[in-house]
Structure formats: C-alpha cells, structure tokens
Amino acid sequence: MSVHEKVNILMVDDQPAKLLSYEVMLGELGENLIRANSGREALELLLKNEVAVVLMDVSMPELDGFELAEIIRQHPRYQKTAIIFISAVHLTDLDRLKGYQRGAVDYISVPVVPELLRAKVSVFAELHRRAHQLEMLNRELRRLSSSLIAMQDDERRRIARELHDGLGQELTAAKMIVDGILFQEKGEASSFKRNAAADASSLIDRAIQQVRSISHLLHPPLLDEVGLLSALRWFLEGFTKRSGLHTVLEVEPQEFPRLPSELETAIFRIVQEALNNVFRHAKARNCWITVKHASGQVTVTVRDDGKGVEQGVTEFRPDRIGMGIGGIRQRIKEFGGELRLARLNPGTLVEVVIPTKSLPQAPQTSKVSSAVVASIAK
C-alpha cells in the first residue's frame, strides 16, 4: 500500500438516509466508502474487504453496534481496526465504557459535525495506511535478511570448497614434491638439505591441516553428505580440543532423521555460535548440548556452567545483545521458531524450538559406517 493508495471505510446504519449523509461528509477524503444496511451485511463485507475504519450506529435492529463491534474484534484481521460509534441518544459513562470494552476507539454524537467526522476518520485511515506500509517494510526486511543469511551460507560453502579443492590440493602437491626431494638426498653433505626439506614438509603439513580446519568450520562436508549429527559430533570433538571445554551431546531419538538442508545448516550454525559465545564470555568448564526431534518440532539446548548472562541479554534488549544472539534469532525466525535465554545457577541456558511439520521432508539416508564418516571429515 503506497502513501496515496485509498483505504476502505465501512459505514454501517439501518437508515439509508444517514448512510447517504455520511457518504457526502466523507467524500472529500477521497477514500473508498462502503455501505452496509445491517450488522450482518457489515460482517459479510468485512470478510470480503480489508477495512481501515468502521463507522457504525449504536442502535440497530437484530445486531446492535456493541454486539457487532465485539464480533469484529474476534476476527484476527480486525483486532486493531478503528471502530467509531455514532449515537443519536445520550450515552452514559457506563454505555461508553461498554463500547470501549467491545472495541470502540471513539464516539460521535448526533447531530454530526462534518468537519469533526472527517478529521477523526482521516486520522484513523492514515494510521491504518502507515501501519500497512510498516508491515510491508518489515516483511521486505525479513526477506532481505533471509536472503542475506542464505547468501552467507552459500558463500561459506563456496569458500570451503575452494580452500579444500584449490589451495589444499596445491599444498598437498607441494608436500609430495618436498618429500620426494627429502627421500632422494643421500650422504653427509646433503644433511642440511634433508633438514631443510623436512622442516618445509612439516610446515606444509601444518598448513594443510589449517586449511582443512578452516574449510570444515566454514561448511563441514559431513553436513551435506551424512547429516547434522555427524557434523555436530565432528565439530564438538574439535571444539573440545581447541577450547579445553568438556562437551556432552545428547540426541533423541537415537535414530535421528535427516532434516531439510537449510534447517540442518541453521541448527549447526546456532550450536556453533552458542558454543563460541560460551568460550568467549562464560568462563565455563562444561557444556551440555541436546538435540531432540519430537511432536513435530526440533528442540536444541546449549547449557553451560559459567558465570551466566545479564538480565538485559535474556530480555533481548537491543543495547545488550550482540551479533551472535542477533544472528541466532534471525535464523530461527526464518523457520517460525522461538529462542529462549535463561540465567541458571550456575550458567546459561540457550533453548531453540523450531516447528518441522510444515517443512518439506528431507531424503533419508542409509546408515554410514564410522570409517566413511572419518574419511569425509578429513
């Protein structure tokens, strides 16, 4: 909806003459004016049209204004729609309170002052237009954010492949050449060359290991070839060695199913980011990770025994959360999931719940031997 796009204004009254007078008064606004001669007709029109403002008489046969407003408010689409009551009789404070409780936002008494009616309707119409624009901008922002995350994952996958297949292969070839020189050198005169070649071979070997580690951390090949759990076990093994933190992984059920590729990548990144936060900030010694799939949802928890997070972080205050938590929240939103943070005694609990019922089914793979898993991880 653009800034100048018209909105619908529904006018409800059982007297056609009044509807005509409202139409004349509001004609200057340039909005779409819709008539309804009864509450039931108004409900039918509301189901077919998106309405910004409802202007209705309080006293109508069969279904009066109070009852109609209460029914309208029960519909999810119209819980925040502006409802303006017009009353030809004096309303007591209790009557007004009843109307506000049913969903009215304003009252106008008869005789209606045209300027007052136009002013009130135009304000609510503009609020609706602005709210609709904000919703569209937020939707576009979420789409762009989702695209950015997907592009980041694709770029990580590409860089990992380039490191492994490009630079990694070149280093491996260089090591083979140096090793060949080392084995060909003989005699005391060549001891310096042998030592230099041995040192060069060792350096290249370490470089190959670093390239492989960086490549796998950017995007583990196990994630695509074998699945989430194998990738998590490989990552936790390396994380424990690098950080000194003791980690425990619990999985339910044991025969854990394959999930859609995008979801497996998201869960891996969530666990990876959560553990990196533990290492950087928690000063913990132990960390427990659980991954459960049951009742149409995946639940992932990361718990540590560190110093715990501040209250502002658990409340997701923008000035307290960093890029890590922000990235986790955004990934979860793309799947309609929920993130919860809780401070424990000791430590912190990160819990992620993602529904899987509406997601496409991932192709199930047969069991893979530990030897095959190890070869893929290398």
Protein backbone atom coordinates (compact mmCIF):
# COMPACT_ATOMS: atom_id res chain seq x y z
CA MET A 1 0.00 0.00 0.00
CA SER A 2 1.52 3.30 -1.12
CA VAL A 3 1.27 6.65 0.67
CA HIS A 4 -1.58 7.77 -1.60
CA GLU A 5 -3.40 4.47 -2.01
CA LYS A 6 -7.04 4.56 -0.94
CA VAL A 7 -8.29 2.63 2.08
CA ASN A 8 -11.77 1.19 2.69
CA ILE A 9 -14.13 2.86 5.16
CA LEU A 10 -17.17 0.80 6.13
CA MET A 11 -20.31 2.76 7.11
CA VAL A 12 -22.96 0.72 8.97
CA ASP A 13 -26.51 2.04 9.62
CA ASP A 14 -30.00 0.66 9.14
CA GLN A 15 -31.21 4.03 7.81
CA PRO A 16 -30.18 4.70 4.16
CA ALA A 17 -30.57 8.45 4.62
CA LYS A 18 -27.89 8.50 7.31
CA LEU A 19 -25.56 6.44 5.14
CA LEU A 20 -26.03 8.94 2.34
CA SER A 21 -25.25 11.86 4.65
CA TYR A 22 -22.07 10.12 5.91
CA GLU A 23 -21.03 9.49 2.33
CA VAL A 24 -21.43 13.18 1.48
CA MET A 25 -19.47 14.27 4.58
CA LEU A 26 -16.61 11.85 3.94
CA GLY A 27 -16.48 12.26 0.18
CA GLU A 28 -13.77 14.92 0.46
CA LEU A 29 -11.34 12.40 1.95
CA GLY A 30 -11.04 10.55 -1.35
CA GLU A 31 -11.21 7.10 0.27
CA ASN A 32 -13.31 4.06 -0.73
CA LEU A 33 -16.66 4.31 1.07
CA ILE A 34 -18.61 1.06 1.57
CA ARG A 35 -22.24 0.93 2.76
CA ALA A 36 -23.86 -1.71 4.97
CA ASN A 37 -27.54 -1.56 5.99
CA SER A 38 -27.25 -4.05 8.85
CA GLY A 39 -24.76 -5.72 11.13
CA ARG A 40 -24.98 -8.99 9.20
CA GLU A 41 -24.30 -7.24 5.91
CA ALA A 42 -21.34 -5.49 7.54
CA LEU A 43 -19.88 -8.84 8.60
CA GLU A 44 -20.20 -10.19 5.06
CA LEU A 45 -18.43 -7.12 3.65
CA LEU A 46 -15.66 -7.39 6.23
CA LEU A 47 -14.92 -10.94 5.11
CA LYS A 48 -14.53 -9.77 1.51
CA ASN A 49 -12.67 -6.47 2.02
CA GLU A 50 -9.80 -5.10 4.06
CA VAL A 51 -11.28 -2.22 6.06
CA ALA A 52 -9.34 0.59 7.76
CA VAL A 53 -12.20 2.27 9.67
CA VAL A 54 -15.68 1.08 10.66
CA LEU A 55 -18.25 3.82 11.25
CA MET A 56 -21.40 2.37 12.82
CA ASP A 57 -24.63 3.31 14.52
CA VAL A 58 -25.02 2.13 18.10
CA SER A 59 -28.75 1.38 17.86
CA MET A 60 -29.59 -1.11 15.11
CA PRO A 61 -32.16 -3.94 14.97
CA GLU A 62 -31.12 -7.59 15.32
CA LEU A 63 -27.43 -6.83 15.84
CA ASP A 64 -26.63 -3.56 17.61
CA GLY A 65 -23.34 -1.68 17.47
CA PHE A 66 -21.96 -3.15 20.69
CA GLU A 67 -22.59 -6.73 19.57
CA LEU A 68 -21.22 -6.06 16.09
CA ALA A 69 -18.04 -4.48 17.46
CA GLU A 70 -17.45 -7.48 19.73
CA ILE A 71 -17.84 -9.90 16.81
CA ILE A 72 -15.49 -7.83 14.64
CA ARG A 73 -12.82 -7.78 17.32
CA GLN A 74 -12.85 -11.60 17.46
CA HIS A 75 -11.54 -11.80 13.88
CA PRO A 76 -7.69 -11.79 13.82
CA ARG A 77 -7.60 -9.39 10.86
CA TYR A 78 -9.72 -6.75 12.62
CA GLN A 79 -8.42 -6.85 16.18
CA LYS A 80 -6.82 -3.42 15.72
CA THR A 81 -9.24 -1.85 13.24
CA ALA A 82 -10.63 1.54 14.28
CA ILE A 83 -14.34 1.39 15.19
CA ILE A 84 -16.17 4.70 15.62
CA PHE A 85 -19.67 4.69 17.17
CA ILE A 86 -22.34 7.21 16.19
CA SER A 87 -25.16 7.64 18.68
CA ALA A 88 -28.34 9.67 18.37
CA VAL A 89 -29.10 9.32 22.09
CA HIS A 90 -27.15 10.49 25.08
CA LEU A 91 -24.80 7.76 26.28
CA THR A 92 -23.91 7.42 29.94
CA ASP A 93 -20.36 6.80 31.08
CA LEU A 94 -21.27 3.14 31.61
CA ASP A 95 -22.50 2.94 28.00
CA ARG A 96 -19.24 4.44 26.74
CA LEU A 97 -17.23 2.05 28.90
CA LYS A 98 -19.20 -0.85 27.47
CA GLY A 99 -18.41 0.38 23.96
CA TYR A 100 -14.70 0.72 24.67
CA GLN A 101 -14.65 -2.77 26.15
CA ARG A 102 -16.27 -4.08 22.96
CA GLY A 103 -13.62 -2.44 20.78
CA ALA A 104 -14.70 1.14 20.06
CA VAL A 105 -11.95 3.72 19.72
CA ASP A 106 -14.16 6.84 19.57
CA TYR A 107 -17.70 8.24 19.79
CA ILE A 108 -19.55 10.86 17.73
CA SER A 109 -22.89 12.28 18.81
CA VAL A 110 -25.78 13.33 16.59
CA PRO A 111 -26.08 15.88 15.05
CA VAL A 112 -22.80 15.01 13.38
CA VAL A 113 -20.40 17.84 12.71
CA PRO A 114 -18.96 17.13 9.23
CA GLU A 115 -15.52 18.62 9.99
CA LEU A 116 -15.22 16.58 13.18
CA LEU A 117 -16.25 13.35 11.44
CA ARG A 118 -13.80 13.91 8.59
CA ALA A 119 -10.97 14.73 10.99
CA LYS A 120 -11.45 11.62 13.10
CA VAL A 121 -11.92 9.24 10.16
CA SER A 122 -8.94 10.68 8.26
CA VAL A 123 -6.65 10.22 11.28
CA PHE A 124 -7.56 6.55 11.69
CA ALA A 125 -7.39 5.96 7.94
CA GLU A 126 -3.88 7.43 7.82
CA LEU A 127 -2.80 5.35 10.83
CA HIS A 128 -4.01 2.23 9.05
CA ARG A 129 -2.14 3.22 5.89
CA ARG A 130 1.07 3.84 7.82
CA ALA A 131 0.74 0.58 9.75
CA HIS A 132 0.25 -1.31 6.50
CA GLN A 133 3.32 0.34 4.99
CA LEU A 134 5.37 -0.52 8.08
CA GLU A 135 4.22 -4.14 7.88
CA MET A 136 5.27 -4.31 4.23
CA LEU A 137 8.67 -2.79 5.05
CA ASN A 138 9.17 -5.28 7.88
CA ARG A 139 8.20 -8.13 5.57
CA GLU A 140 10.69 -6.93 2.98
CA LEU A 141 13.36 -6.54 5.67
CA ARG A 142 12.78 -10.12 6.81
CA ARG A 143 13.00 -11.32 3.21
CA LEU A 144 16.26 -9.45 2.66
CA SER A 145 17.65 -10.74 5.94
CA SER A 146 16.73 -14.29 4.98
CA SER A 147 18.37 -13.83 1.58
CA LEU A 148 21.50 -12.45 3.23
CA ILE A 149 21.77 -15.46 5.54
CA ALA A 150 21.29 -17.83 2.59
CA MET A 151 23.95 -15.95 0.61
CA GLN A 152 26.34 -16.13 3.58
CA ASP A 153 25.82 -19.88 3.87
CA ASP A 154 26.32 -20.33 0.12
CA GLU A 155 29.47 -18.20 0.21
CA ARG A 156 30.85 -20.19 3.15
CA ARG A 157 30.17 -23.38 1.23
CA ARG A 158 31.91 -21.99 -1.86
CA ILE A 159 34.96 -20.72 0.07
CA ALA A 160 35.23 -24.02 1.91
CA ARG A 161 35.18 -25.89 -1.39
CA GLU A 162 37.79 -23.57 -2.89
CA LEU A 163 40.08 -23.96 0.13
CA HIS A 164 39.76 -27.73 0.15
CA ASP A 165 39.86 -28.37 -3.59
CA GLY A 166 42.13 -25.49 -4.62
CA LEU A 167 44.67 -24.38 -2.03
CA GLY A 168 44.51 -27.69 -0.18
CA GLN A 169 45.39 -29.66 -3.30
CA GLU A 170 48.22 -27.28 -4.18
CA LEU A 171 49.73 -27.64 -0.71
CA THR A 172 49.40 -31.40 -0.89
CA ALA A 173 51.25 -31.44 -4.24
CA ALA A 174 53.99 -29.19 -2.79
CA LYS A 175 54.40 -31.54 0.17
CA MET A 176 54.76 -34.54 -2.17
CA ILE A 177 57.49 -32.75 -4.09
CA VAL A 178 59.39 -31.78 -0.94
CA ASP A 179 59.06 -35.30 0.44
CA GLY A 180 60.39 -36.64 -2.87
CA ILE A 181 63.44 -34.38 -2.59
CA LEU A 182 63.94 -35.47 1.00
CA PHE A 183 63.97 -39.17 0.11
CA GLN A 184 66.33 -38.67 -2.83
CA GLU A 185 69.02 -36.83 -0.84
CA LYS A 186 71.81 -39.11 0.50
CA GLY A 187 75.17 -38.68 2.23
CA GLU A 188 76.52 -36.36 4.93
CA ALA A 189 76.91 -33.43 2.52
CA SER A 190 73.20 -33.33 1.96
CA SER A 191 72.18 -33.35 5.67
CA PHE A 192 71.40 -29.62 5.60
CA LYS A 193 69.15 -30.07 2.58
CA ARG A 194 67.45 -33.03 4.25
CA ASN A 195 66.77 -31.00 7.41
CA ALA A 196 65.52 -28.04 5.39
CA ALA A 197 63.27 -30.31 3.33
CA ALA A 198 61.97 -31.99 6.49
CA ASP A 199 61.18 -28.60 8.05
CA ALA A 200 59.46 -27.44 4.85
CA SER A 201 57.43 -30.65 4.74
CA SER A 202 56.37 -30.17 8.34
CA LEU A 203 55.32 -26.56 7.70
CA ILE A 204 53.32 -27.55 4.63
CA ASP A 205 51.69 -30.35 6.59
CA ARG A 206 50.56 -27.91 9.29
CA ALA A 207 49.32 -25.51 6.60
CA ILE A 208 47.27 -28.33 5.06
CA GLN A 209 45.71 -29.09 8.45
CA GLN A 210 44.87 -25.42 8.99
CA VAL A 211 43.30 -25.13 5.53
CA ARG A 212 41.29 -28.28 6.17
CA SER A 213 40.11 -27.00 9.58
CA ILE A 214 39.11 -23.60 8.18
CA SER A 215 37.34 -25.24 5.27
CA HIS A 216 35.38 -27.59 7.51
CA LEU A 217 34.46 -24.87 10.01
CA LEU A 218 33.15 -22.69 7.19
CA HIS A 219 30.97 -25.54 5.95
CA PRO A 220 31.51 -29.12 7.17
CA PRO A 221 31.24 -31.63 4.30
CA LEU A 222 29.63 -34.00 6.80
CA LEU A 223 26.65 -31.66 6.96
CA ASP A 224 25.78 -32.29 3.30
CA GLU A 225 27.00 -35.86 2.94
CA VAL A 226 25.97 -37.53 6.22
CA GLY A 227 23.80 -35.11 8.19
CA LEU A 228 23.51 -32.82 11.17
CA LEU A 229 24.53 -35.18 13.98
CA SER A 230 27.76 -36.34 12.36
CA ALA A 231 28.69 -32.71 11.67
CA LEU A 232 27.92 -31.74 15.26
CA ARG A 233 29.97 -34.62 16.69
CA TRP A 234 32.92 -33.66 14.47
CA PHE A 235 32.63 -30.00 15.49
CA LEU A 236 32.34 -30.77 19.21
CA GLU A 237 35.39 -33.02 19.08
CA GLY A 238 37.47 -30.23 17.54
CA PHE A 239 35.91 -27.57 19.78
CA THR A 240 36.81 -29.53 22.91
CA LYS A 241 40.43 -29.83 21.77
CA ARG A 242 40.74 -26.15 20.89
CA SER A 243 38.90 -24.67 23.89
CA GLY A 244 39.54 -27.13 26.71
CA LEU A 245 35.80 -27.16 27.48
CA HIS A 246 34.23 -30.53 28.23
CA THR A 247 31.21 -31.04 25.96
CA VAL A 248 28.42 -33.63 26.07
CA LEU A 249 25.99 -34.23 23.20
CA GLU A 250 22.60 -35.89 23.81
CA VAL A 251 20.34 -36.87 20.93
CA GLU A 252 16.70 -38.03 20.93
CA PRO A 253 15.73 -40.24 19.26
CA GLN A 254 18.90 -42.22 18.65
CA GLU A 255 17.79 -42.88 15.06
CA PHE A 256 17.67 -39.15 14.37
CA PRO A 257 16.04 -38.34 11.00
CA ARG A 258 17.54 -36.19 8.29
CA LEU A 259 16.08 -32.69 8.19
CA PRO A 260 15.84 -30.25 5.27
CA SER A 261 19.30 -29.00 4.30
CA GLU A 262 18.55 -25.37 5.23
CA LEU A 263 17.32 -26.39 8.68
CA GLU A 264 20.33 -28.64 9.35
CA THR A 265 22.65 -25.79 8.38
CA ALA A 266 20.75 -23.38 10.63
CA ILE A 267 20.90 -25.73 13.65
CA PHE A 268 24.63 -26.35 13.11
CA ARG A 269 25.29 -22.58 12.96
CA ILE A 270 23.17 -22.00 16.07
CA VAL A 271 25.12 -24.57 18.10
CA GLN A 272 28.39 -23.26 16.69
CA GLU A 273 27.58 -19.65 17.63
CA ALA A 274 26.25 -20.60 21.07
CA LEU A 275 29.41 -22.54 21.91
CA ASN A 276 31.62 -19.73 20.63
CA ASN A 277 29.75 -17.38 22.97
CA VAL A 278 30.33 -19.80 25.86
CA PHE A 279 34.05 -19.92 25.07
CA ARG A 280 34.39 -16.13 24.75
CA HIS A 281 32.21 -14.93 27.61
CA ALA A 282 31.03 -17.62 30.03
CA LYS A 283 34.29 -18.78 31.68
CA ALA A 284 32.71 -22.23 31.86
CA ARG A 285 34.27 -25.66 32.22
CA ASN A 286 31.45 -27.84 30.93
CA CYS A 287 28.80 -27.55 28.25
CA TRP A 288 25.83 -29.81 27.51
CA ILE A 289 24.14 -29.86 24.09
CA THR A 290 20.85 -31.65 23.42
CA VAL A 291 19.06 -32.12 20.11
CA LYS A 292 15.54 -33.57 20.26
CA HIS A 293 13.03 -34.23 17.50
CA ALA A 294 9.50 -34.99 18.73
CA SER A 295 5.90 -33.86 18.33
CA GLY A 296 6.58 -32.07 15.06
CA GLN A 297 9.38 -29.86 16.34
CA VAL A 298 13.12 -29.78 16.91
CA THR A 299 14.39 -28.58 20.27
CA VAL A 300 18.05 -27.60 20.65
CA THR A 301 19.52 -26.60 24.01
CA VAL A 302 23.01 -25.44 24.92
CA ARG A 303 23.72 -25.24 28.66
CA ASP A 304 26.95 -24.27 30.41
CA ASP A 305 28.19 -23.91 34.00
CA GLY A 306 29.74 -20.47 33.54
CA LYS A 307 29.05 -17.09 35.10
CA GLY A 308 25.69 -16.58 33.33
CA VAL A 309 24.35 -13.75 31.20
CA GLU A 310 22.93 -10.41 32.29
CA GLN A 311 19.20 -9.81 32.57
CA GLY A 312 19.30 -7.42 29.63
CA VAL A 313 20.51 -10.25 27.41
CA THR A 314 17.75 -12.65 28.49
CA GLU A 315 15.24 -9.89 27.72
CA PHE A 316 16.81 -9.41 24.24
CA ARG A 317 17.37 -5.71 24.81
CA PRO A 318 18.91 -4.29 21.61
CA ASP A 319 21.64 -2.49 23.55
CA ARG A 320 22.70 -5.70 25.34
CA ILE A 321 22.65 -8.46 22.74
CA GLY A 322 25.47 -8.82 20.23
CA MET A 323 25.81 -10.10 16.70
CA GLY A 324 25.85 -13.72 17.85
CA ILE A 325 22.46 -13.74 19.59
CA GLY A 326 21.05 -11.46 16.89
CA GLY A 327 22.14 -13.88 14.17
CA ILE A 328 20.65 -16.84 16.04
CA ARG A 329 17.31 -15.04 16.43
CA GLN A 330 17.19 -14.18 12.75
CA ARG A 331 17.91 -17.76 11.67
CA ILE A 332 15.17 -19.06 13.93
CA LYS A 333 12.61 -16.54 12.66
CA GLU A 334 13.01 -17.84 9.13
CA PHE A 335 11.60 -21.20 10.30
CA GLY A 336 8.91 -19.78 12.58
CA GLY A 337 10.83 -20.88 15.67
CA GLU A 338 11.47 -19.38 19.08
CA LEU A 339 14.62 -18.56 21.05
CA ARG A 340 14.69 -18.56 24.85
CA LEU A 341 17.54 -17.48 27.12
CA ALA A 342 17.64 -18.16 30.83
CA ARG A 343 20.22 -17.48 33.52
CA LEU A 344 20.86 -20.55 35.65
CA ASN A 345 22.74 -21.06 38.88
CA PRO A 346 25.34 -21.53 37.58
CA GLY A 347 25.49 -20.87 33.85
CA THR A 348 23.18 -20.03 30.98
CA LEU A 349 20.57 -21.99 29.04
CA VAL A 350 20.01 -21.33 25.33
CA GLU A 351 16.90 -23.09 24.02
CA VAL A 352 15.72 -23.12 20.43
CA VAL A 353 12.38 -24.60 19.34
CA ILE A 354 11.67 -24.93 15.62
CA PRO A 355 8.47 -26.49 14.19
CA THR A 356 9.05 -29.07 11.45
CA LYS A 357 5.52 -30.11 10.46
CA SER A 358 5.26 -27.54 7.67
CA LEU A 359 8.79 -28.10 6.36
CA PRO A 360 9.47 -30.34 3.34
CA GLN A 361 10.67 -33.83 4.18
CA ALA A 362 14.39 -34.43 3.72
CA PRO A 363 15.51 -37.57 1.88
CA GLN A 364 16.52 -40.24 4.38
CA THR A 365 19.95 -41.74 4.00
CA SER A 366 21.09 -45.18 4.94
CA LYS A 367 23.46 -45.77 7.84
CA VAL A 368 27.02 -44.71 7.18
CA SER A 369 29.95 -46.51 8.75
CA SER A 370 32.31 -44.66 11.10
CA ALA A 371 35.13 -45.21 8.60
CA VAL A 372 33.22 -43.41 5.86
CA VAL A 373 32.36 -40.58 8.26
CA ALA A 374 36.02 -40.24 9.22
CA SER A 375 37.09 -40.13 5.58
CA ILE A 376 34.59 -37.37 4.80
CA ALA A 377 35.73 -35.34 7.81
CA LYS A 378 39.34 -35.35 6.65
